[in-house]
Amino acid sequence: MSLPTVVTAEAVHELIRAELVDLGIPEETISPETKFDTMEIDSLDVADLMSTIKREYGVDIRRAELAGVSIGELVDRVVAGASSR
């Protein structure tokens, strides 16, 4: 029997940061306050990021739900969603 994995904000933030850097977003511009609307990533890249989050944490977030959302807010949502599973 395996123990449930605890999802931490640090782990989720690191996953999102790594994915955004892979998409070409400069690392120095990525902070909890950075809003998705301000980053220059296309909708397919956002969809890939959301697919990664769903695969890793089982949390389904639609691209349209990211309007006006910061990275920190997304992290909080993923942690809350993963904890409630």
Protein backbone atom coordinates (compact mmCIF):
# COMPACT_ATOMS: atom_id res chain seq x y z
CA MET A 1 0.00 0.00 0.00
CA SER A 2 1.50 3.33 -1.05
CA LEU A 3 1.20 6.50 0.93
CA PRO A 4 -0.54 9.45 -0.70
CA THR A 5 1.81 12.01 -2.17
CA VAL A 6 1.62 15.43 -0.55
CA VAL A 7 1.40 18.17 -3.16
CA THR A 8 3.32 21.26 -2.08
CA ALA A 9 3.10 24.76 -3.45
CA GLU A 10 6.87 24.68 -4.02
CA ALA A 11 6.63 21.55 -6.17
CA VAL A 12 3.75 22.92 -8.23
CA HIS A 13 5.49 26.28 -8.70
CA GLU A 14 8.68 24.54 -9.79
CA LEU A 15 6.79 22.44 -12.35
CA ILE A 16 5.05 25.52 -13.77
CA ARG A 17 8.31 27.52 -13.78
CA ALA A 18 10.16 24.73 -15.60
CA GLU A 19 7.38 24.37 -18.17
CA LEU A 20 7.27 28.14 -18.80
CA VAL A 21 11.07 28.32 -19.18
CA ASP A 22 10.84 25.45 -21.70
CA LEU A 23 8.30 27.56 -23.60
CA GLY A 24 10.80 30.40 -23.83
CA ILE A 25 9.57 32.63 -21.01
CA PRO A 26 12.61 34.31 -19.38
CA GLU A 27 13.06 32.85 -15.90
CA GLU A 28 13.57 36.26 -14.31
CA THR A 29 10.05 37.28 -15.38
CA ILE A 30 8.38 34.30 -13.67
CA SER A 31 7.11 35.06 -10.18
CA PRO A 32 3.98 34.25 -8.17
CA GLU A 33 2.59 37.66 -9.17
CA THR A 34 3.08 37.14 -12.92
CA LYS A 35 -0.28 36.92 -14.67
CA PHE A 36 -0.76 34.51 -17.55
CA ASP A 37 -2.30 37.32 -19.64
CA THR A 38 1.03 39.17 -19.59
CA MET A 39 3.19 36.29 -20.79
CA GLU A 40 3.79 35.84 -24.48
CA ILE A 41 2.68 32.23 -24.83
CA ASP A 42 0.16 30.99 -27.31
CA SER A 43 -2.98 29.04 -26.55
CA LEU A 44 -1.46 25.70 -27.58
CA ASP A 45 1.39 26.20 -25.12
CA VAL A 46 -1.10 27.04 -22.37
CA ALA A 47 -3.09 23.92 -23.26
CA ASP A 48 0.11 21.85 -23.00
CA LEU A 49 0.83 23.37 -19.57
CA MET A 50 -2.67 22.55 -18.37
CA SER A 51 -2.30 18.98 -19.71
CA THR A 52 0.93 18.61 -17.75
CA ILE A 53 -0.78 19.86 -14.58
CA LYS A 54 -3.65 17.43 -15.10
CA ARG A 55 -1.27 14.53 -15.73
CA GLU A 56 0.96 15.32 -12.74
CA TYR A 57 -1.65 16.40 -10.19
CA GLY A 58 -5.03 15.28 -11.52
CA VAL A 59 -6.37 18.83 -11.52
CA ASP A 60 -8.27 19.90 -14.63
CA ILE A 61 -8.11 23.64 -15.36
CA ARG A 62 -9.41 25.08 -18.60
CA ARG A 63 -7.40 27.65 -20.48
CA ALA A 64 -10.27 30.16 -20.30
CA GLU A 65 -10.09 30.01 -16.50
CA LEU A 66 -6.60 31.56 -16.55
CA ALA A 67 -7.77 35.03 -17.61
CA GLY A 68 -6.45 37.44 -14.99
CA VAL A 69 -4.90 34.62 -12.94
CA SER A 70 -1.37 34.85 -11.56
CA ILE A 71 1.06 31.96 -11.29
CA GLY A 72 0.65 32.05 -7.50
CA GLU A 73 -3.13 31.80 -7.80
CA LEU A 74 -2.78 28.85 -10.18
CA VAL A 75 -0.38 27.15 -7.76
CA ASP A 76 -2.88 27.60 -4.91
CA ARG A 77 -5.67 26.18 -7.05
CA VAL A 78 -3.64 23.14 -8.08
CA VAL A 79 -2.60 22.41 -4.49
CA ALA A 80 -6.20 22.76 -3.27
CA GLY A 81 -7.52 20.59 -6.12
CA ALA A 82 -4.90 17.89 -5.62
CA SER A 83 -5.50 17.86 -1.87
CA SER A 84 -9.23 17.33 -2.31
CA ARG A 85 -8.77 14.18 -4.46
